[in-house]
Protein backbone atom coordinates (compact mmCIF):
# COMPACT_ATOMS: atom_id res chain seq x y z
CA UNK A 1 -8.57 82.00 62.83
CA UNK A 2 -5.66 83.96 64.26
CA UNK A 3 -5.11 82.07 67.66
CA UNK A 4 -3.65 78.99 66.37
CA UNK A 5 -1.23 81.20 64.45
CA UNK A 6 -0.27 83.45 66.78
CA UNK A 7 0.42 79.85 69.48
CA UNK A 8 2.65 78.14 67.33
CA UNK A 9 4.19 80.47 64.77
CA UNK A 10 4.47 83.48 67.14
CA UNK A 11 3.38 87.33 67.40
CA UNK A 12 6.71 88.57 64.91
CA UNK A 13 5.49 85.58 62.58
CA UNK A 14 1.82 86.95 62.46
CA UNK A 15 2.63 90.33 62.02
CA UNK A 16 4.65 90.05 59.17
CA UNK A 17 2.25 87.88 57.62
CA UNK A 18 -0.55 90.59 58.24
CA UNK A 19 1.65 93.40 56.98
CA UNK A 20 2.47 91.44 53.68
CA UNK A 21 -1.37 90.90 53.12
CA UNK A 22 -1.84 94.28 53.36
CA UNK A 23 0.88 95.61 51.03
CA UNK A 24 -0.77 93.04 48.53
CA UNK A 25 -3.95 94.48 49.11
CA UNK A 26 -3.48 97.79 48.84
CA UNK A 27 -1.61 97.75 45.79
CA UNK A 28 2.12 98.33 47.59
CA UNK A 29 4.08 95.13 46.04
CA UNK A 30 3.01 96.53 42.34
CA UNK A 31 3.74 99.92 43.45
CA UNK A 32 7.53 98.71 44.96
CA UNK A 33 8.00 96.35 41.60
CA UNK A 34 5.69 97.73 39.19
CA UNK A 35 5.10 96.31 35.25
CA UNK A 36 7.80 97.22 33.27
CA UNK A 37 9.39 96.84 29.72
CA UNK A 38 12.30 94.94 29.35
CA UNK A 39 14.02 97.84 27.99
CA UNK A 40 14.46 98.84 31.46
CA UNK A 41 16.70 96.22 32.47
CA UNK A 42 20.19 94.84 31.53
CA UNK A 43 23.01 96.00 29.59
CA UNK A 44 24.13 97.25 26.43
CA UNK A 45 25.16 95.44 23.33
CA UNK A 46 28.35 97.27 23.79
CA UNK A 47 28.86 96.07 27.32
CA UNK A 48 28.30 92.39 25.87
CA UNK A 49 31.66 91.56 24.34
CA UNK A 50 33.67 92.69 27.83
CA UNK A 51 30.80 90.37 29.30
CA UNK A 52 31.68 87.63 27.34
CA UNK A 53 35.50 87.90 28.01
CA UNK A 54 35.47 89.00 31.44
CA UNK A 55 32.51 87.91 33.57
CA UNK A 56 33.18 85.09 35.91
CA UNK A 57 32.45 81.40 34.01
CA UNK A 58 31.13 78.13 35.09
CA UNK A 59 33.91 75.05 34.99
CA UNK A 60 31.29 73.94 31.57
CA UNK A 61 32.62 77.20 29.83
CA UNK A 62 36.21 76.39 30.01
CA UNK A 63 35.70 72.76 29.03
CA UNK A 64 35.85 71.48 25.55
CA UNK A 65 33.25 69.91 24.51
CA UNK A 66 34.97 67.64 22.31
CA UNK A 67 36.49 66.42 25.04
CA UNK A 68 33.87 65.07 26.74
CA UNK A 69 31.04 64.57 24.02
CA UNK A 70 32.61 60.24 23.78
CA UNK A 71 32.24 60.22 27.64
CA UNK A 72 28.86 61.47 27.65
CA UNK A 73 27.89 59.37 25.08
CA UNK A 74 28.81 56.29 26.45
CA UNK A 75 27.03 57.23 29.75
CA UNK A 76 23.69 57.84 27.38
CA UNK A 77 24.10 54.43 25.82
CA UNK A 78 24.59 52.81 29.73
CA UNK A 79 21.58 54.37 31.58
CA UNK A 80 19.79 53.89 28.10
CA UNK A 81 18.16 57.50 28.04
CA UNK A 82 19.58 59.90 25.21
CA UNK A 83 19.36 63.77 25.93
CA UNK A 84 19.24 64.17 22.15
CA UNK A 85 16.03 62.50 21.73
CA UNK A 86 14.89 64.40 24.43
CA UNK A 87 16.30 67.56 22.88
CA UNK A 88 14.52 66.66 19.78
CA UNK A 89 11.38 65.69 21.24
CA UNK A 90 11.46 69.47 22.91
CA UNK A 91 12.20 70.72 19.27
CA UNK A 92 9.11 69.05 18.32
CA UNK A 93 6.82 70.68 21.14
CA UNK A 94 7.24 67.90 23.93
CA UNK A 95 8.98 68.28 27.31
CA UNK A 96 9.69 66.68 30.52
CA UNK A 97 7.37 68.00 33.28
CA UNK A 98 8.26 66.98 37.20
CA UNK A 99 10.88 64.83 35.98
CA UNK A 100 8.45 62.22 34.83
CA UNK A 101 6.58 61.84 31.60
CA UNK A 102 6.92 63.41 28.37
CA UNK A 103 3.82 65.92 27.48
CA UNK A 104 3.02 67.95 24.46
CA UNK A 105 3.41 71.29 25.94
CA UNK A 106 3.39 73.63 21.66
CA UNK A 107 6.05 75.02 19.63
CA UNK A 108 6.94 77.23 21.35
CA UNK A 109 5.62 76.11 24.51
CA UNK A 110 2.54 77.69 26.28
CA UNK A 111 4.36 79.11 28.99
CA UNK A 112 0.72 80.06 30.82
CA UNK A 113 -0.84 76.91 30.06
CA UNK A 114 -1.16 74.05 33.27
CA UNK A 115 1.00 71.10 32.01
CA UNK A 116 -1.44 68.97 34.23
CA UNK A 117 -4.69 70.06 33.31
CA UNK A 118 -4.62 72.28 30.06
CA UNK A 119 -6.15 75.70 31.92
CA UNK A 120 -4.56 78.92 31.92
CA UNK A 121 -4.24 82.28 34.01
CA UNK A 122 -4.11 85.61 33.16
CA UNK A 123 -0.72 86.45 31.60
CA UNK A 124 -1.06 90.23 31.82
CA UNK A 125 -2.56 91.20 35.43
CA UNK A 126 0.81 92.03 38.00
CA UNK A 127 1.86 89.06 39.95
CA UNK A 128 0.65 90.23 43.49
CA UNK A 129 -2.93 90.05 42.01
CA UNK A 130 -2.35 86.80 41.13
CA UNK A 131 -3.73 83.85 42.75
CA UNK A 132 -2.19 80.24 43.53
CA UNK A 133 -5.21 79.02 45.63
CA UNK A 134 -7.94 78.77 42.58
CA UNK A 135 -8.99 75.87 40.92
CA UNK A 136 -5.61 75.12 39.14
CA UNK A 137 -2.59 73.95 40.34
CA UNK A 138 -0.43 76.41 40.03
CA UNK A 139 2.76 74.17 39.81
CA UNK A 140 1.14 73.15 36.91
CA UNK A 141 1.48 76.61 35.26
CA UNK A 142 4.94 77.03 36.76
CA UNK A 143 6.71 73.87 35.38
CA UNK A 144 8.32 74.92 31.99
CA UNK A 145 9.09 78.56 32.96
CA UNK A 146 11.69 76.42 35.62
CA UNK A 147 13.50 75.99 32.62
CA UNK A 148 14.33 72.40 33.38
CA UNK A 149 14.03 72.11 29.39
CA UNK A 150 17.66 73.82 29.15
CA UNK A 151 19.53 70.80 30.61
CA UNK A 152 18.83 68.31 27.98
CA UNK A 153 19.55 71.21 25.29
CA UNK A 154 22.82 71.27 26.89
CA UNK A 155 23.94 68.06 27.25
CA UNK A 156 22.59 67.20 23.48
CA UNK A 157 25.04 69.73 22.15
CA UNK A 158 27.89 68.42 24.10
CA UNK A 159 27.02 64.80 22.75
CA UNK A 160 26.74 65.90 19.21
CA UNK A 161 27.96 69.75 18.58
CA UNK A 162 24.63 70.36 16.86
CA UNK A 163 23.92 74.00 16.49
CA UNK A 164 19.89 73.24 16.86
CA UNK A 165 20.35 72.90 20.27
CA UNK A 166 21.69 76.27 21.11
CA UNK A 167 19.24 78.32 18.49
CA UNK A 168 16.36 76.46 20.25
CA UNK A 169 17.98 77.49 23.91
CA UNK A 170 17.74 81.06 22.85
CA UNK A 171 14.86 81.13 20.57
CA UNK A 172 12.62 79.76 23.45
CA UNK A 173 14.36 82.23 25.73
CA UNK A 174 13.43 84.98 23.55
CA UNK A 175 9.97 83.94 23.52
CA UNK A 176 9.56 83.19 27.00
CA UNK A 177 10.55 86.45 26.99
CA UNK A 178 7.94 88.05 24.96
CA UNK A 179 5.39 86.24 26.82
CA UNK A 180 6.05 86.85 30.26
CA UNK A 181 7.32 90.56 30.40
CA UNK A 182 8.74 91.52 34.27
CA UNK A 183 6.36 91.29 37.10
CA UNK A 184 3.20 90.60 34.88
CA UNK A 185 1.37 87.32 35.06
CA UNK A 186 1.79 83.92 37.23
CA UNK A 187 5.87 83.39 36.29
CA UNK A 188 6.95 85.93 38.63
CA UNK A 189 4.76 85.12 41.57
CA UNK A 190 6.92 83.32 43.28
CA UNK A 191 10.70 83.99 43.86
CA UNK A 192 11.80 80.77 44.25
CA UNK A 193 10.47 79.89 40.77
CA UNK A 194 12.29 82.46 39.30
CA UNK A 195 15.47 81.77 40.90
CA UNK A 196 15.48 78.09 39.56
CA UNK A 197 14.39 79.92 35.92
CA UNK A 198 17.66 82.09 36.59
CA UNK A 199 20.17 79.54 37.76
CA UNK A 200 18.52 77.15 34.78
CA UNK A 201 19.20 80.48 32.43
CA UNK A 202 22.65 80.62 33.66
CA UNK A 203 23.84 77.38 32.87
CA UNK A 204 22.56 77.70 29.57
CA UNK A 205 24.13 80.86 28.59
CA UNK A 206 27.45 80.00 30.35
CA UNK A 207 27.58 76.43 28.16
CA UNK A 208 27.12 78.19 25.28
CA UNK A 209 28.96 81.54 25.71
CA UNK A 210 31.00 81.26 23.22
CA UNK A 211 29.23 79.79 20.78
CA UNK A 212 28.36 81.92 17.40
CA UNK A 213 24.42 81.49 18.27
CA UNK A 214 25.17 83.36 21.47
CA UNK A 215 25.14 87.08 20.15
CA UNK A 216 25.66 90.14 21.71
CA UNK A 217 21.77 90.79 21.38
CA UNK A 218 21.01 87.67 22.96
CA UNK A 219 23.78 88.24 26.00
CA UNK A 220 21.71 91.66 26.30
CA UNK A 221 18.61 89.53 26.60
CA UNK A 222 19.94 86.74 29.41
CA UNK A 223 21.61 90.47 31.04
CA UNK A 224 18.03 92.05 31.07
CA UNK A 225 16.48 89.01 32.41
CA UNK A 226 18.93 88.35 35.21
CA UNK A 227 18.47 91.93 36.36
CA UNK A 228 14.40 91.87 36.67
CA UNK A 229 14.75 88.42 38.22
CA UNK A 230 16.92 89.67 40.67
CA UNK A 231 15.18 92.73 41.58
CA UNK A 232 11.92 90.84 41.69
CA UNK A 233 13.43 88.55 44.48
CA UNK A 234 14.82 91.33 46.06
CA UNK A 235 11.55 93.19 46.56
CA UNK A 236 10.29 90.53 48.54
CA UNK A 237 12.75 88.25 49.80
CA UNK A 238 11.26 89.07 53.67
CA UNK A 239 8.71 86.84 53.11
CA UNK A 240 10.44 83.92 51.37
CA UNK A 241 13.11 83.98 54.54
CA UNK A 242 10.59 84.28 56.79
CA UNK A 243 8.88 80.93 55.48
CA UNK A 244 12.01 78.80 56.72
CA UNK A 245 12.39 76.24 54.18
CA UNK A 246 13.73 75.96 50.78
CA UNK A 247 12.06 79.22 49.30
CA UNK A 248 14.44 81.64 51.57
CA UNK A 249 17.71 79.42 50.42
CA UNK A 250 16.60 79.03 46.69
CA UNK A 251 15.88 83.31 46.44
CA UNK A 252 19.50 83.74 48.27
CA UNK A 253 21.20 81.67 46.32
CA UNK A 254 19.21 83.64 43.30
CA UNK A 255 20.39 86.68 44.36
CA UNK A 256 24.01 85.78 44.76
CA UNK A 257 23.62 84.01 41.10
CA UNK A 258 22.63 87.32 39.52
CA UNK A 259 25.15 89.50 41.34
CA UNK A 260 28.29 87.19 40.70
CA UNK A 261 27.08 86.01 36.90
CA UNK A 262 26.53 89.63 35.66
CA UNK A 263 28.59 91.67 37.58
CA UNK A 264 28.58 95.23 35.74
CA UNK A 265 24.73 95.36 36.45
CA UNK A 266 24.10 98.42 38.79
CA UNK A 267 22.45 95.95 41.84
CA UNK A 268 25.00 93.35 41.88
CA UNK A 269 27.11 94.41 44.84
CA UNK A 270 24.18 94.53 46.92
CA UNK A 271 22.53 91.40 45.60
CA UNK A 272 25.91 89.33 46.18
CA UNK A 273 26.06 90.58 49.88
CA UNK A 274 22.19 90.18 50.50
CA UNK A 275 22.19 86.59 48.77
CA UNK A 276 25.27 85.98 50.99
CA UNK A 277 23.97 86.89 54.11
CA UNK A 278 20.38 85.52 54.13
CA UNK A 279 21.79 81.62 52.95
CA UNK A 280 24.31 82.00 55.57
CA UNK A 281 21.87 82.86 58.05
CA UNK A 282 19.28 80.00 56.28
CA UNK A 283 21.70 77.28 56.60
CA UNK A 284 22.49 77.99 60.09
CA UNK A 285 18.64 78.06 61.22
CA UNK A 286 17.40 75.10 58.67
CA UNK A 287 20.34 72.58 58.64
CA UNK A 288 20.83 70.69 61.89
CA UNK A 289 24.37 69.20 63.15
CA UNK A 290 23.63 66.08 61.95
CA UNK A 291 22.90 67.73 58.37
CA UNK A 292 18.79 66.92 58.82
CA UNK A 293 16.80 69.48 56.91
CA UNK A 294 14.18 71.28 58.99
CA UNK A 295 12.11 70.58 55.79
CA UNK A 296 11.44 67.21 56.57
CA UNK A 297 11.49 65.26 53.06
CA UNK A 298 14.15 63.69 51.35
CA UNK A 299 13.45 64.56 47.67
CA UNK A 300 13.37 68.64 49.69
CA UNK A 301 16.73 67.71 50.86
CA UNK A 302 18.07 66.73 47.55
CA UNK A 303 17.02 70.33 46.42
CA UNK A 304 19.01 72.19 49.69
CA UNK A 305 22.05 69.98 48.64
CA UNK A 306 21.74 71.18 44.67
CA UNK A 307 21.21 74.55 45.91
CA UNK A 308 24.45 74.45 48.42
CA UNK A 309 26.73 73.01 45.48
CA UNK A 310 25.38 75.91 42.76
CA UNK A 311 26.44 78.45 46.22
CA UNK A 312 29.73 76.94 46.06
CA UNK A 313 30.15 77.44 42.52
CA UNK A 314 28.85 80.88 42.44
CA UNK A 315 31.28 81.71 45.02
CA UNK A 316 34.52 80.14 43.35
CA UNK A 317 33.15 82.01 40.02
CA UNK A 318 33.78 84.90 42.29
CA UNK A 319 37.13 83.63 43.72
CA UNK A 320 36.04 83.08 47.04
CA UNK A 321 33.94 79.72 48.71
CA UNK A 322 31.37 79.24 51.30
CA UNK A 323 32.25 80.19 54.81
CA UNK A 324 33.76 77.30 57.17
CA UNK A 325 30.26 77.28 58.90
CA UNK A 326 28.26 77.05 56.10
CA UNK A 327 30.91 74.58 54.42
CA UNK A 328 30.40 72.52 57.88
CA UNK A 329 26.52 72.48 57.22
CA UNK A 330 27.04 71.30 53.43
CA UNK A 331 28.96 68.13 54.44
CA UNK A 332 27.23 67.34 57.56
CA UNK A 333 23.79 67.75 55.11
CA UNK A 334 25.69 65.50 52.46
CA UNK A 335 26.25 62.77 54.74
CA UNK A 336 22.96 62.76 56.22
CA UNK A 337 21.81 61.59 52.66
CA UNK A 338 24.57 59.67 51.58
CA UNK A 339 23.92 57.52 54.48
CA UNK A 340 20.08 57.25 53.27
CA UNK A 341 21.30 55.85 49.77
CA UNK A 342 20.88 52.44 48.46
CA UNK A 343 22.72 50.62 46.21
CA UNK A 344 20.43 51.64 43.72
CA UNK A 345 20.64 55.33 44.01
CA UNK A 346 17.02 55.12 46.19
CA UNK A 347 16.41 56.47 49.91
CA UNK A 348 13.54 56.53 51.66
CA UNK A 349 10.60 58.85 50.37
CA UNK A 350 9.34 60.81 53.14
CA UNK A 351 7.79 64.12 53.08
CA UNK A 352 6.51 66.42 50.67
CA UNK A 353 7.93 65.75 46.90
CA UNK A 354 6.91 68.77 44.37
CA UNK A 355 8.98 66.99 41.70
CA UNK A 356 11.84 69.08 42.19
CA UNK A 357 14.92 68.53 40.69
CA UNK A 358 17.25 71.11 39.95
CA UNK A 359 19.72 69.57 37.81
CA UNK A 360 18.39 67.22 35.64
CA UNK A 361 22.30 66.50 34.30
CA UNK A 362 22.47 62.17 34.13
CA UNK A 363 20.81 59.66 32.20
CA UNK A 364 19.24 58.33 35.97
CA UNK A 365 15.83 57.85 37.15
CA UNK A 366 14.23 60.66 39.63
CA UNK A 367 14.30 58.17 41.96
CA UNK A 368 17.72 58.01 41.91
CA UNK A 369 19.80 60.37 44.05
CA UNK A 370 23.15 59.45 43.29
CA UNK A 371 23.83 62.23 40.54
CA UNK A 372 23.31 64.96 43.83
CA UNK A 373 25.08 63.06 46.60
CA UNK A 374 28.03 61.91 44.43
CA UNK A 375 28.57 65.60 42.80
CA UNK A 376 28.25 67.14 46.51
CA UNK A 377 30.28 64.44 47.59
CA UNK A 378 33.10 65.40 45.13
CA UNK A 379 32.70 68.94 45.51
CA UNK A 380 32.51 69.68 49.38
CA UNK A 381 34.26 66.17 50.58
CA UNK A 382 36.60 65.33 47.70
CA UNK A 383 34.96 61.71 47.45
CA UNK A 384 33.49 59.90 45.23
CA UNK A 385 30.79 57.08 44.83
CA UNK A 386 31.53 54.10 42.44
CA UNK A 387 31.70 55.45 39.04
CA UNK A 388 28.56 55.32 36.88
CA UNK A 389 26.49 57.43 34.60
CA UNK A 390 25.53 59.34 38.01
CA UNK A 391 28.92 61.33 37.32
CA UNK A 392 27.80 63.25 34.31
CA UNK A 393 26.37 65.46 36.74
CA UNK A 394 29.08 66.28 38.74
CA UNK A 395 31.50 66.48 34.91
CA UNK A 396 28.87 69.28 34.17
CA UNK A 397 29.01 71.12 37.18
CA UNK A 398 32.28 70.65 38.13
CA UNK A 399 34.55 69.47 35.55
CA UNK A 400 36.63 66.21 35.18
CA UNK A 401 37.16 64.60 38.74
CA UNK A 402 40.66 64.12 39.67
CA UNK A 403 41.27 60.19 39.70
CA UNK A 404 42.62 60.00 43.13
CA UNK A 405 39.27 61.09 44.67
CA UNK A 406 39.02 59.07 47.65
CA UNK A 407 35.94 56.59 47.44
CA UNK A 408 33.10 57.22 50.00
CA UNK A 409 33.11 55.50 53.17
CA UNK A 410 29.19 55.67 54.72
CA UNK A 411 29.83 55.14 58.67
CA UNK A 412 26.68 54.58 60.51
CA UNK A 413 25.00 57.55 61.87
CA UNK A 414 22.43 58.57 64.33
CA UNK A 415 20.34 61.77 63.30
CA UNK A 416 18.49 62.69 66.39
CA UNK A 417 17.91 66.51 65.64
CA UNK A 418 16.47 65.81 62.22
CA UNK A 419 14.04 62.95 63.20
CA UNK A 420 13.20 61.33 60.22
CA UNK A 421 5.43 62.21 47.41
CA UNK A 422 2.99 64.09 47.17
CA UNK A 423 0.54 63.87 44.08
CA UNK A 424 -0.59 67.39 44.50
CA UNK A 425 -0.81 70.77 46.52
CA UNK A 426 -3.93 71.32 45.15
CA UNK A 427 -5.78 68.23 44.65
CA UNK A 428 -9.20 67.96 42.66
CA UNK A 429 -12.15 66.85 44.12
CA UNK A 430 -11.23 68.05 48.16
CA UNK A 431 -8.94 65.42 48.93
CA UNK A 432 -5.65 65.95 50.44
CA UNK A 433 -3.29 64.74 47.80
CA UNK A 434 -1.70 61.87 49.73
CA UNK A 435 -0.88 64.18 52.80
CA UNK A 436 -3.49 62.81 55.32
CA UNK A 437 -2.18 60.13 57.84
CA UNK A 438 -4.02 57.58 56.36
CA UNK A 439 -1.77 57.38 53.70
CA UNK A 440 1.47 56.69 55.68
CA UNK A 441 2.43 53.74 57.73
CA UNK A 442 0.92 54.75 60.89
CA UNK A 443 -1.89 54.10 63.05
CA UNK A 444 -4.67 56.16 63.46
CA UNK A 445 -7.81 56.47 65.27
CA UNK A 446 -11.07 57.19 63.75
CA UNK A 447 -11.29 58.76 60.63
CA UNK A 448 -9.05 61.94 61.93
CA UNK A 449 -5.68 63.26 60.90
CA UNK A 450 -2.76 63.60 63.90
CA UNK A 451 -3.01 67.06 62.68
CA UNK A 452 -5.77 69.28 61.04
CA UNK A 453 -5.07 70.99 57.74
CA UNK A 454 -4.91 74.45 58.52
CA UNK A 455 -3.95 76.05 55.47
CA UNK A 456 -2.20 74.05 52.23
CA UNK A 457 1.03 73.94 53.79
CA UNK A 458 0.23 74.59 57.04
CA UNK A 459 -1.02 71.86 59.67
CA UNK A 460 -2.22 73.02 63.21
CA UNK A 461 -1.89 71.90 66.02
CA UNK A 462 1.93 70.94 65.85
CA UNK A 463 1.70 67.46 67.47
CA UNK A 464 4.56 67.52 69.97
CA UNK A 465 6.36 64.20 70.58
CA UNK A 466 8.16 62.10 72.89
CA UNK A 467 11.26 60.68 71.85
CA UNK A 468 13.46 58.09 73.33
CA UNK A 469 16.30 56.03 72.40
CA UNK A 470 18.38 53.27 73.65
CA UNK A 471 20.40 50.67 71.75
CA UNK A 472 18.92 48.99 68.44
CA UNK A 473 15.23 50.31 70.55
CA UNK A 474 13.62 53.60 69.59
CA UNK A 475 10.05 54.57 71.03
CA UNK A 476 7.93 57.74 70.14
CA UNK A 477 4.71 59.12 71.38
CA UNK A 478 2.13 61.69 70.65
CA UNK A 479 -1.23 62.99 71.73
CA UNK A 480 -2.19 64.28 67.94
CA UNK A 481 -5.40 61.80 68.63
CA UNK A 482 -7.77 63.60 70.89
CA UNK A 483 -8.08 61.14 74.07
CA UNK A 484 -5.13 59.00 73.07
CA UNK A 485 -1.80 58.16 73.71
CA UNK A 486 -0.16 56.78 70.44
CA UNK A 487 3.36 55.43 71.03
CA UNK A 488 5.11 53.57 68.25
CA UNK A 489 8.60 51.48 69.17
CA UNK A 490 10.96 50.37 66.55
CA UNK A 491 13.20 47.22 67.71
CA UNK A 492 16.14 45.74 65.50
CA UNK A 493 16.45 42.21 65.62
CA UNK A 494 19.02 40.29 64.60
CA UNK A 495 17.20 39.38 61.25
CA UNK A 496 14.90 42.37 60.55
CA UNK A 497 12.94 44.81 62.61
CA UNK A 498 9.56 44.88 65.15
CA UNK A 499 7.32 47.57 64.81
CA UNK A 500 5.06 47.91 68.28
CA UNK A 501 2.41 49.95 68.03
CA UNK A 502 -0.23 50.90 70.97
CA UNK A 503 -2.99 53.11 71.25
CA UNK A 504 -4.30 54.09 74.78
CA UNK A 505 -7.55 56.21 75.54
CA UNK A 506 -6.78 58.35 78.12
CA UNK A 507 -10.27 58.14 79.87
CA UNK A 508 -10.28 54.35 79.63
CA UNK A 509 -12.66 55.20 75.80
CA UNK A 510 -13.04 52.67 73.04
CA UNK A 511 -11.85 54.03 69.58
CA UNK A 512 -11.60 52.63 66.09
CA UNK A 513 -7.66 51.83 65.81
CA UNK A 514 -6.04 51.32 62.42
CA UNK A 515 -2.98 50.30 61.20
CA UNK A 516 -2.02 50.36 57.52
CA UNK A 517 0.96 49.31 55.67
CA UNK A 518 1.46 51.02 52.26
CA UNK A 519 3.13 49.01 49.32
CA UNK A 520 4.00 48.85 45.32
CA UNK A 521 2.56 45.34 45.15
CA UNK A 522 0.36 42.95 47.80
CA UNK A 523 3.34 40.29 47.46
CA UNK A 524 5.43 42.82 49.03
CA UNK A 525 2.94 43.76 51.82
CA UNK A 526 2.11 39.39 52.52
CA UNK A 527 5.75 39.63 54.07
CA UNK A 528 4.79 41.53 56.97
CA UNK A 529 3.80 39.45 60.06
CA UNK A 530 1.19 41.13 61.88
CA UNK A 531 -0.43 40.37 65.26
CA UNK A 532 -3.32 42.48 67.20
CA UNK A 533 -3.59 42.42 70.93
CA UNK A 534 -7.54 42.24 70.52
CA UNK A 535 -9.86 40.61 67.98
CA UNK A 536 -9.23 42.95 64.80
CA UNK A 537 -10.19 42.82 61.16
CA UNK A 538 -7.74 42.67 58.12
CA UNK A 539 -8.75 43.88 54.56
CA UNK A 540 -6.23 44.51 51.38
CA UNK A 541 -7.22 47.49 49.34
CA UNK A 542 -5.70 48.94 46.09
CA UNK A 543 -7.18 52.24 43.83
CA UNK A 544 -10.35 53.07 46.15
CA UNK A 545 -11.86 56.26 44.31
CA UNK A 546 -12.03 59.73 44.89
CA UNK A 547 -8.82 60.33 46.47
CA UNK A 548 -9.01 57.15 48.78
CA UNK A 549 -6.43 54.69 49.92
CA UNK A 550 -4.54 52.05 47.50
CA UNK A 551 -2.59 54.85 45.26
CA UNK A 552 1.22 56.03 45.10
CA UNK A 553 2.82 58.70 43.24
CA UNK A 554 6.23 58.69 41.72
CA UNK A 555 5.94 62.04 40.23
CA UNK A 556 3.91 65.11 41.19
CA UNK A 557 0.91 65.35 39.04
CA UNK A 558 0.49 61.48 38.96
CA UNK A 559 -0.65 58.65 40.73
CA UNK A 560 -0.65 55.08 40.41
CA UNK A 561 -2.47 51.89 41.93
CA UNK A 562 -0.76 50.48 44.77
CA UNK A 563 -1.71 48.31 47.89
CA UNK A 564 -2.78 49.20 51.34
CA UNK A 565 -2.81 46.48 54.16
CA UNK A 566 -5.37 47.69 56.63
CA UNK A 567 -5.89 46.20 60.04
CA UNK A 568 -8.77 47.39 62.36
CA UNK A 569 -9.41 46.84 65.86
CA UNK A 570 -11.63 48.49 68.51
CA UNK A 571 -11.06 49.02 72.04
CA UNK A 572 -9.00 51.40 74.98
CA UNK A 573 -5.83 49.62 75.21
CA UNK A 574 -4.92 47.91 71.20
CA UNK A 575 -1.59 46.86 70.38
CA UNK A 576 -0.23 45.92 66.78
CA UNK A 577 3.25 44.28 66.48
CA UNK A 578 4.63 44.06 63.06
CA UNK A 579 7.70 41.93 62.22
CA UNK A 580 9.45 41.84 59.12
CA UNK A 581 12.60 39.23 58.53
CA UNK A 582 11.81 37.72 61.43
CA UNK A 583 9.00 35.00 63.07
CA UNK A 584 6.51 36.59 65.66
CA UNK A 585 4.23 35.15 68.25
CA UNK A 586 2.45 37.87 70.03
CA UNK A 587 1.23 37.15 74.26
CA UNK A 588 -0.52 39.17 76.73
CA UNK A 589 2.73 40.82 77.96
CA UNK A 590 5.43 40.21 75.71
CA UNK A 591 6.12 38.79 72.03
CA UNK A 592 8.47 36.70 70.96
CA UNK A 593 10.94 37.06 67.95
CA UNK A 594 12.50 34.30 66.28
CA UNK A 595 11.41 32.41 69.65
CA UNK A 596 13.52 34.86 71.96
CA UNK A 597 10.94 36.69 74.52
CA UNK A 598 11.10 40.43 74.25
CA UNK A 599 8.47 42.59 77.00
CA UNK A 600 5.75 44.63 75.57
CA UNK A 601 6.54 47.68 77.87
């Protein structure tokens, strides 16, 4: 079991994981971060008034609600989405989960119940004794405690000024605090989840900072949550940093948030320094020169940008800014995602997707990336997208955008360093939740995956890929299927694209080779012209049972029927050619695209 981990991840990583496992089993994490009462954290009521007047502010805390209400209401009308209606629904016990549908969650919410299944876990045990590997998908239990419901409450209050939204914010924070004492239960298991919760809490506190419902006692409550969260993050942040993904970045930003916005708490200075240092290191290691994120996923790239935007706002609240090297990476990451943006705000949805959307601050759908891209462009580059409802996010985070902001111009980009939706990370029935090769637009050999699942988020052995690029022509090959070499060539032609997939048995052995193209509709897949070098069988499948093909997931935890066009052939040297937007004819050694001959090799 340990040899693949040692080979691919190295002795240092493995040694740390074994150490952390020992700490958990021996109870050292529980000793270091004990279950304590809320009274052990935070500042006093006497200090609350000083905090209210002197603590750093977000731009939202300085804005006049009345000046914003008309603009937000017009955007709500333009998008057809009402934050007031969502806020009222939350008051009746319904909450939007995974940026998708509204579900009944109770009033007050059932904080430790799974929003996907209705199951629950023990809320009293120390978090280090909890497990995320049971029958319940832990993300369904964490979802309400990300506090995404804070944002529609703030937006609704900005529109109509009704004090019920502010009271609802505080009463739910109070109930969450009562049901989730420090370091007890599943809501303290993950430092990233705690960080995202703290960011949402901070946004709400800043929005309602001067409202009469925000009493000194409630500010004490917020300070206690901030300190308990920061101490939980600090106590196990090395584990998050070792993951080399969004977890480390989120937890670093969480520490910065607690240290800057609650500056009188005893550990604030250390949290600021530790958070800044960790963030700088993570961004340097995980964001490439071309702006690509090491965690190849457009949704996690959006989360990265949201976290970097928040980190810059935290720094500005403290009178500083991100270091130049980090800002350069933030600008590159912004340009990367902007280059993928379509006119309707959608982007190619590749990689894992857990429904994360840090700032649901506009009426745009989850699949619309303009709120994040537009905010990042405004903050880091002084540019803006064409005006629209997506501007609400930038307004509420940054304040009014200058009318002189330059329009964003997306130049062609080449992202060589970065390379190029998940239904569930814990899918029932033993299937892999849309993660396997058969759910992607690739070729496969037999029933194998190009890599094998080693753990829930780890696939081994890591398949090496040989990349070659030329003008309008890109080729990649790998040996992920034992005994076979797989090569894909993508060619840009005047009126479309041609994709050439070749599978070769290294010992001239035959294999069952399958090319799959997935789409929301059969009509869309019919637009593809596909040819094969040997005899083949073609079929369309939709909504196969038991987690099979013919499904898509627009939001985490939900799946809907779609279509898969599947072409299968057997041989030791099989070539598939797919054309989109152009005519195609395949010959033994070449193919013709719109009458022009192109060699296969």
